[in-house]
Amino acid sequence: MIIKRMVQMGMLLGVFAVIGTAILAITHEQTKERIAENERNVLLRNLHAVISPDNHDNELFTDTIEVTDTNLLGTKKAVTVYRARLDAKPVTVIFAAIAPDGYNGNIKLLVAINMDGTLSGVRVIGHRETPGLGDYIEETRSDWITKFTGLSLHNPDKKGWHVKRDGGEFDQFTGATITPRAIVKAVYNCMIYFEQHQQDVFR
């Protein structure tokens, strides 16, 4: 009698498990496209924060290439480069680069560089920096990240591409030098990569 009851309970649990799995699968399938669309919209907003929609007429999501350079782009993995064009002419490239030496690990960036080598804009799109201290790199909380716009490899010069504590021109945050130092270095390295591979990026 006890064994029969145990078998019945086991079968009942099995049925519940199958039903639960089916419900989860159906829910996932129904929300997958919506989640992907939301992620696409967020990325597009971030891309248009560093290059105005008025400055290109191509589809950024499809006009991309993958490039690799561990030293300059901050990761061993392939980095996506979004290419903006106007009337079929190259205008700006946007690197989905990594600042690998943030205080709490990788800081994900969008670094947009115009064809003349000037920065169209920089945005942080992901980080795990300490709340309160890391807030300053977010455009919604501080204008620090917007100060890169219009700069280039030679404006300021190489020495200037450091935080002030290291003799450069970029502000650091009270109690937080590692985070801005990592971003300044990553942006500078992206521009070096672009200068070295400009023709390849728009091949």
C-alpha atoms as a PDB file:
ATOM      1  CA  MET A   1       0.000   0.000   0.000  1.00  0.00           C
ATOM      2  CA  ILE A   2       2.801   2.401   0.928  1.00  0.00           C
ATOM      3  CA  ILE A   3       4.767   1.493  -2.204  1.00  0.00           C
ATOM      4  CA  LYS A   4       1.676   2.006  -4.382  1.00  0.00           C
ATOM      5  CA  ARG A   5       1.108   5.417  -2.796  1.00  0.00           C
ATOM      6  CA  MET A   6       4.743   6.382  -3.368  1.00  0.00           C
ATOM      7  CA  VAL A   7       4.461   5.372  -7.033  1.00  0.00           C
ATOM      8  CA  GLN A   8       1.312   7.455  -7.415  1.00  0.00           C
ATOM      9  CA  MET A   9       2.987  10.484  -5.810  1.00  0.00           C
ATOM     10  CA  GLY A  10       5.986  10.035  -8.059  1.00  0.00           C
ATOM     11  CA  MET A  11       3.811   9.928 -11.152  1.00  0.00           C
ATOM     12  CA  LEU A  12       1.896  12.997  -9.963  1.00  0.00           C
ATOM     13  CA  LEU A  13       5.132  14.936  -9.424  1.00  0.00           C
ATOM     14  CA  GLY A  14       6.285  13.851 -12.857  1.00  0.00           C
ATOM     15  CA  VAL A  15       3.097  15.172 -14.443  1.00  0.00           C
ATOM     16  CA  PHE A  16       3.506  18.505 -12.622  1.00  0.00           C
ATOM     17  CA  ALA A  17       7.125  18.700 -13.789  1.00  0.00           C
ATOM     18  CA  VAL A  18       6.128  18.130 -17.411  1.00  0.00           C
ATOM     19  CA  ILE A  19       3.325  20.704 -17.215  1.00  0.00           C
ATOM     20  CA  GLY A  20       5.625  23.251 -15.529  1.00  0.00           C
ATOM     21  CA  THR A  21       8.312  22.752 -18.156  1.00  0.00           C
ATOM     22  CA  ALA A  22       5.760  23.159 -20.952  1.00  0.00           C
ATOM     23  CA  ILE A  23       4.428  26.399 -19.436  1.00  0.00           C
ATOM     24  CA  LEU A  24       7.959  27.805 -19.106  1.00  0.00           C
ATOM     25  CA  ALA A  25       8.784  26.856 -22.697  1.00  0.00           C
ATOM     26  CA  ILE A  26       5.621  28.487 -24.032  1.00  0.00           C
ATOM     27  CA  THR A  27       6.189  31.642 -21.966  1.00  0.00           C
ATOM     28  CA  HIS A  28       9.804  31.889 -23.133  1.00  0.00           C
ATOM     29  CA  GLU A  29       8.798  31.463 -26.776  1.00  0.00           C
ATOM     30  CA  GLN A  30       6.108  34.134 -26.473  1.00  0.00           C
ATOM     31  CA  THR A  31       8.415  36.693 -24.821  1.00  0.00           C
ATOM     32  CA  LYS A  32      11.635  35.938 -26.729  1.00  0.00           C
ATOM     33  CA  GLU A  33      10.871  38.258 -29.623  1.00  0.00           C
ATOM     34  CA  ARG A  34       9.682  41.029 -27.308  1.00  0.00           C
ATOM     35  CA  ILE A  35      12.863  40.806 -25.212  1.00  0.00           C
ATOM     36  CA  ALA A  36      15.036  40.871 -28.345  1.00  0.00           C
ATOM     37  CA  GLU A  37      13.131  43.914 -29.641  1.00  0.00           C
ATOM     38  CA  ASN A  38      13.550  45.733 -26.314  1.00  0.00           C
ATOM     39  CA  GLU A  39      17.289  45.004 -26.316  1.00  0.00           C
ATOM     40  CA  ARG A  40      17.539  46.262 -29.888  1.00  0.00           C
ATOM     41  CA  ASN A  41      15.729  49.491 -28.997  1.00  0.00           C
ATOM     42  CA  VAL A  42      18.005  50.119 -26.004  1.00  0.00           C
ATOM     43  CA  LEU A  43      21.102  49.559 -28.142  1.00  0.00           C
ATOM     44  CA  LEU A  44      19.758  51.847 -30.869  1.00  0.00           C
ATOM     45  CA  ARG A  45      19.138  54.615 -28.320  1.00  0.00           C
ATOM     46  CA  ASN A  46      22.709  54.252 -27.110  1.00  0.00           C
ATOM     47  CA  LEU A  47      24.067  54.288 -30.660  1.00  0.00           C
ATOM     48  CA  HIS A  48      22.085  57.437 -31.425  1.00  0.00           C
ATOM     49  CA  ALA A  49      23.465  59.016 -28.271  1.00  0.00           C
ATOM     50  CA  VAL A  50      26.914  58.964 -29.901  1.00  0.00           C
ATOM     51  CA  ILE A  51      25.832  59.667 -33.476  1.00  0.00           C
ATOM     52  CA  SER A  52      22.721  61.607 -34.378  1.00  0.00           C
ATOM     53  CA  PRO A  53      20.234  59.833 -36.670  1.00  0.00           C
ATOM     54  CA  ASP A  54      20.512  62.919 -38.908  1.00  0.00           C
ATOM     55  CA  ASN A  55      24.172  62.124 -39.547  1.00  0.00           C
ATOM     56  CA  HIS A  56      23.655  58.746 -41.212  1.00  0.00           C
ATOM     57  CA  ASP A  57      21.124  57.132 -43.504  1.00  0.00           C
ATOM     58  CA  ASN A  58      22.136  53.465 -43.339  1.00  0.00           C
ATOM     59  CA  GLU A  59      20.989  50.672 -41.015  1.00  0.00           C
ATOM     60  CA  LEU A  60      23.540  50.502 -38.192  1.00  0.00           C
ATOM     61  CA  PHE A  61      22.503  47.020 -37.086  1.00  0.00           C
ATOM     62  CA  THR A  62      23.303  45.445 -40.438  1.00  0.00           C
ATOM     63  CA  ASP A  63      26.326  47.524 -41.456  1.00  0.00           C
ATOM     64  CA  THR A  64      28.793  45.975 -39.029  1.00  0.00           C
ATOM     65  CA  ILE A  65      32.040  44.047 -38.906  1.00  0.00           C
ATOM     66  CA  GLU A  66      33.795  42.078 -36.174  1.00  0.00           C
ATOM     67  CA  VAL A  67      37.372  42.964 -35.250  1.00  0.00           C
ATOM     68  CA  THR A  68      39.802  41.658 -32.664  1.00  0.00           C
ATOM     69  CA  ASP A  69      42.668  43.296 -30.817  1.00  0.00           C
ATOM     70  CA  THR A  70      43.125  42.315 -27.183  1.00  0.00           C
ATOM     71  CA  ASN A  71      45.513  45.151 -26.370  1.00  0.00           C
ATOM     72  CA  LEU A  72      43.588  48.036 -27.932  1.00  0.00           C
ATOM     73  CA  LEU A  73      39.967  46.884 -27.674  1.00  0.00           C
ATOM     74  CA  GLY A  74      40.176  45.359 -24.199  1.00  0.00           C
ATOM     75  CA  THR A  75      39.033  41.793 -24.906  1.00  0.00           C
ATOM     76  CA  LYS A  76      40.124  38.601 -26.638  1.00  0.00           C
ATOM     77  CA  LYS A  77      36.636  38.271 -28.084  1.00  0.00           C
ATOM     78  CA  ALA A  78      35.552  39.837 -31.353  1.00  0.00           C
ATOM     79  CA  VAL A  79      34.309  43.408 -30.996  1.00  0.00           C
ATOM     80  CA  THR A  80      31.397  44.670 -33.062  1.00  0.00           C
ATOM     81  CA  VAL A  81      32.006  47.824 -35.069  1.00  0.00           C
ATOM     82  CA  TYR A  82      28.919  49.703 -36.276  1.00  0.00           C
ATOM     83  CA  ARG A  83      29.546  51.711 -39.448  1.00  0.00           C
ATOM     84  CA  ALA A  84      27.583  54.879 -40.149  1.00  0.00           C
ATOM     85  CA  ARG A  85      27.304  56.184 -43.700  1.00  0.00           C
ATOM     86  CA  LEU A  86      25.592  59.128 -45.356  1.00  0.00           C
ATOM     87  CA  ASP A  87      24.859  58.910 -49.075  1.00  0.00           C
ATOM     88  CA  ALA A  88      27.005  55.737 -49.068  1.00  0.00           C
ATOM     89  CA  LYS A  89      30.037  57.654 -47.785  1.00  0.00           C
ATOM     90  CA  PRO A  90      31.736  56.636 -44.501  1.00  0.00           C
ATOM     91  CA  VAL A  91      30.921  59.008 -41.665  1.00  0.00           C
ATOM     92  CA  THR A  92      31.541  57.427 -38.265  1.00  0.00           C
ATOM     93  CA  VAL A  93      32.486  54.097 -36.713  1.00  0.00           C
ATOM     94  CA  ILE A  94      31.229  52.972 -33.327  1.00  0.00           C
ATOM     95  CA  PHE A  95      33.260  50.430 -31.376  1.00  0.00           C
ATOM     96  CA  ALA A  96      31.527  48.239 -28.781  1.00  0.00           C
ATOM     97  CA  ALA A  97      34.771  48.223 -26.818  1.00  0.00           C
ATOM     98  CA  ILE A  98      35.751  47.125 -23.319  1.00  0.00           C
ATOM     99  CA  ALA A  99      37.646  48.952 -20.584  1.00  0.00           C
ATOM    100  CA  PRO A 100      39.012  45.796 -18.910  1.00  0.00           C
ATOM    101  CA  ASP A 101      40.562  47.395 -15.843  1.00  0.00           C
ATOM    102  CA  GLY A 102      37.605  48.999 -14.087  1.00  0.00           C
ATOM    103  CA  TYR A 103      37.440  48.801 -10.305  1.00  0.00           C
ATOM    104  CA  ASN A 104      35.031  45.850 -10.444  1.00  0.00           C
ATOM    105  CA  GLY A 105      35.913  44.431 -13.848  1.00  0.00           C
ATOM    106  CA  ASN A 106      34.915  45.173 -17.417  1.00  0.00           C
ATOM    107  CA  ILE A 107      33.240  48.431 -18.369  1.00  0.00           C
ATOM    108  CA  LYS A 108      31.330  48.166 -21.647  1.00  0.00           C
ATOM    109  CA  LEU A 109      31.589  51.195 -23.909  1.00  0.00           C
ATOM    110  CA  LEU A 110      30.419  52.624 -27.184  1.00  0.00           C
ATOM    111  CA  VAL A 111      33.190  54.732 -28.696  1.00  0.00           C
ATOM    112  CA  ALA A 112      32.160  56.654 -31.826  1.00  0.00           C
ATOM    113  CA  ILE A 113      34.926  58.070 -34.022  1.00  0.00           C
ATOM    114  CA  ASN A 114      34.388  60.330 -37.028  1.00  0.00           C
ATOM    115  CA  MET A 115      36.383  59.858 -40.208  1.00  0.00           C
ATOM    116  CA  ASP A 116      38.564  62.854 -39.322  1.00  0.00           C
ATOM    117  CA  GLY A 117      39.621  61.106 -36.109  1.00  0.00           C
ATOM    118  CA  THR A 118      37.548  63.208 -33.724  1.00  0.00           C
ATOM    119  CA  LEU A 119      35.246  61.577 -31.212  1.00  0.00           C
ATOM    120  CA  SER A 120      31.553  61.781 -32.017  1.00  0.00           C
ATOM    121  CA  GLY A 121      30.726  60.557 -28.537  1.00  0.00           C
ATOM    122  CA  VAL A 122      31.353  57.980 -25.814  1.00  0.00           C
ATOM    123  CA  ARG A 123      28.834  56.163 -23.628  1.00  0.00           C
ATOM    124  CA  VAL A 124      29.008  53.507 -20.935  1.00  0.00           C
ATOM    125  CA  ILE A 125      26.481  50.762 -21.660  1.00  0.00           C
ATOM    126  CA  GLY A 126      27.368  48.336 -18.886  1.00  0.00           C
ATOM    127  CA  HIS A 127      29.459  48.219 -15.718  1.00  0.00           C
ATOM    128  CA  ARG A 128      29.664  46.807 -12.203  1.00  0.00           C
ATOM    129  CA  GLU A 129      31.435  49.716 -10.569  1.00  0.00           C
ATOM    130  CA  THR A 130      30.664  50.566  -6.952  1.00  0.00           C
ATOM    131  CA  PRO A 131      27.277  52.304  -6.637  1.00  0.00           C
ATOM    132  CA  GLY A 132      27.777  55.955  -5.778  1.00  0.00           C
ATOM    133  CA  LEU A 133      31.341  56.089  -7.069  1.00  0.00           C
ATOM    134  CA  GLY A 134      30.631  54.527 -10.457  1.00  0.00           C
ATOM    135  CA  ASP A 135      27.553  56.669 -11.027  1.00  0.00           C
ATOM    136  CA  TYR A 136      29.628  59.489 -12.495  1.00  0.00           C
ATOM    137  CA  ILE A 137      30.372  57.540 -15.673  1.00  0.00           C
ATOM    138  CA  GLU A 138      26.661  57.306 -16.506  1.00  0.00           C
ATOM    139  CA  GLU A 139      25.374  60.083 -18.737  1.00  0.00           C
ATOM    140  CA  THR A 140      22.105  60.267 -16.806  1.00  0.00           C
ATOM    141  CA  ARG A 141      23.928  61.113 -13.568  1.00  0.00           C
ATOM    142  CA  SER A 142      26.878  63.225 -14.714  1.00  0.00           C
ATOM    143  CA  ASP A 143      28.149  65.010 -17.824  1.00  0.00           C
ATOM    144  CA  TRP A 144      31.660  63.577 -17.377  1.00  0.00           C
ATOM    145  CA  ILE A 145      31.316  61.035 -20.200  1.00  0.00           C
ATOM    146  CA  THR A 146      30.154  63.727 -22.628  1.00  0.00           C
ATOM    147  CA  LYS A 147      33.439  65.622 -22.298  1.00  0.00           C
ATOM    148  CA  PHE A 148      35.095  63.244 -24.787  1.00  0.00           C
ATOM    149  CA  THR A 149      33.056  64.594 -27.713  1.00  0.00           C
ATOM    150  CA  GLY A 150      35.219  66.494 -30.206  1.00  0.00           C
ATOM    151  CA  LEU A 151      38.539  65.259 -28.822  1.00  0.00           C
ATOM    152  CA  SER A 152      41.092  63.277 -30.836  1.00  0.00           C
ATOM    153  CA  LEU A 153      44.421  61.470 -30.503  1.00  0.00           C
ATOM    154  CA  HIS A 154      46.203  64.800 -30.706  1.00  0.00           C
ATOM    155  CA  ASN A 155      43.716  66.922 -28.782  1.00  0.00           C
ATOM    156  CA  PRO A 156      44.840  66.652 -26.078  1.00  0.00           C
ATOM    157  CA  ASP A 157      48.297  65.243 -26.726  1.00  0.00           C
ATOM    158  CA  LYS A 158      49.387  61.807 -25.485  1.00  0.00           C
ATOM    159  CA  LYS A 159      50.332  63.133 -22.052  1.00  0.00           C
ATOM    160  CA  GLY A 160      46.931  64.767 -21.708  1.00  0.00           C
ATOM    161  CA  TRP A 161      45.130  61.458 -22.245  1.00  0.00           C
ATOM    162  CA  HIS A 162      45.294  60.579 -18.562  1.00  0.00           C
ATOM    163  CA  VAL A 163      43.380  61.587 -15.471  1.00  0.00           C
ATOM    164  CA  LYS A 164      44.718  64.622 -13.639  1.00  0.00           C
ATOM    165  CA  ARG A 165      46.224  62.500 -10.881  1.00  0.00           C
ATOM    166  CA  ASP A 166      48.444  60.911 -13.539  1.00  0.00           C
ATOM    167  CA  GLY A 167      49.387  64.277 -15.081  1.00  0.00           C
ATOM    168  CA  GLY A 168      46.625  64.341 -17.700  1.00  0.00           C
ATOM    169  CA  GLU A 169      43.640  66.562 -18.420  1.00  0.00           C
ATOM    170  CA  PHE A 170      40.695  64.388 -17.382  1.00  0.00           C
ATOM    171  CA  ASP A 171      38.908  64.804 -14.085  1.00  0.00           C
ATOM    172  CA  GLN A 172      38.802  61.907 -11.690  1.00  0.00           C
ATOM    173  CA  PHE A 173      36.085  61.382  -9.108  1.00  0.00           C
ATOM    174  CA  THR A 174      36.506  61.899  -5.399  1.00  0.00           C
ATOM    175  CA  GLY A 175      37.533  58.515  -4.029  1.00  0.00           C
ATOM    176  CA  ALA A 176      37.434  56.869  -7.451  1.00  0.00           C
ATOM    177  CA  THR A 177      40.384  57.200  -9.799  1.00  0.00           C
ATOM    178  CA  ILE A 178      40.484  53.654 -11.193  1.00  0.00           C
ATOM    179  CA  THR A 179      37.171  53.910 -13.049  1.00  0.00           C
ATOM    180  CA  PRO A 180      37.822  57.130 -15.031  1.00  0.00           C
ATOM    181  CA  ARG A 181      41.421  56.051 -15.645  1.00  0.00           C
ATOM    182  CA  ALA A 182      40.169  52.816 -17.243  1.00  0.00           C
ATOM    183  CA  ILE A 183      37.700  54.643 -19.497  1.00  0.00           C
ATOM    184  CA  VAL A 184      40.170  57.308 -20.635  1.00  0.00           C
ATOM    185  CA  LYS A 185      42.685  54.591 -21.528  1.00  0.00           C
ATOM    186  CA  ALA A 186      40.077  52.528 -23.407  1.00  0.00           C
ATOM    187  CA  VAL A 187      38.852  55.506 -25.452  1.00  0.00           C
ATOM    188  CA  TYR A 188      42.408  56.485 -26.340  1.00  0.00           C
ATOM    189  CA  ASN A 189      43.216  52.909 -27.394  1.00  0.00           C
ATOM    190  CA  CYS A 190      40.127  52.800 -29.629  1.00  0.00           C
ATOM    191  CA  MET A 191      41.348  55.872 -31.450  1.00  0.00           C
ATOM    192  CA  ILE A 192      44.768  54.283 -31.928  1.00  0.00           C
ATOM    193  CA  TYR A 193      43.086  51.202 -33.396  1.00  0.00           C
ATOM    194  CA  PHE A 194      41.008  53.365 -35.731  1.00  0.00           C
ATOM    195  CA  GLU A 195      44.056  55.304 -36.905  1.00  0.00           C
ATOM    196  CA  GLN A 196      45.875  52.043 -37.654  1.00  0.00           C
ATOM    197  CA  HIS A 197      42.952  50.263 -39.333  1.00  0.00           C
ATOM    198  CA  GLN A 198      40.756  52.995 -40.792  1.00  0.00           C
ATOM    199  CA  GLN A 199      40.748  51.546 -44.294  1.00  0.00           C
ATOM    200  CA  ASP A 200      40.089  48.019 -43.039  1.00  0.00           C
ATOM    201  CA  VAL A 201      37.151  49.104 -40.887  1.00  0.00           C
ATOM    202  CA  PHE A 202      35.278  50.429 -43.931  1.00  0.00           C
ATOM    203  CA  ARG A 203      36.412  47.759 -46.382  1.00  0.00           C
END
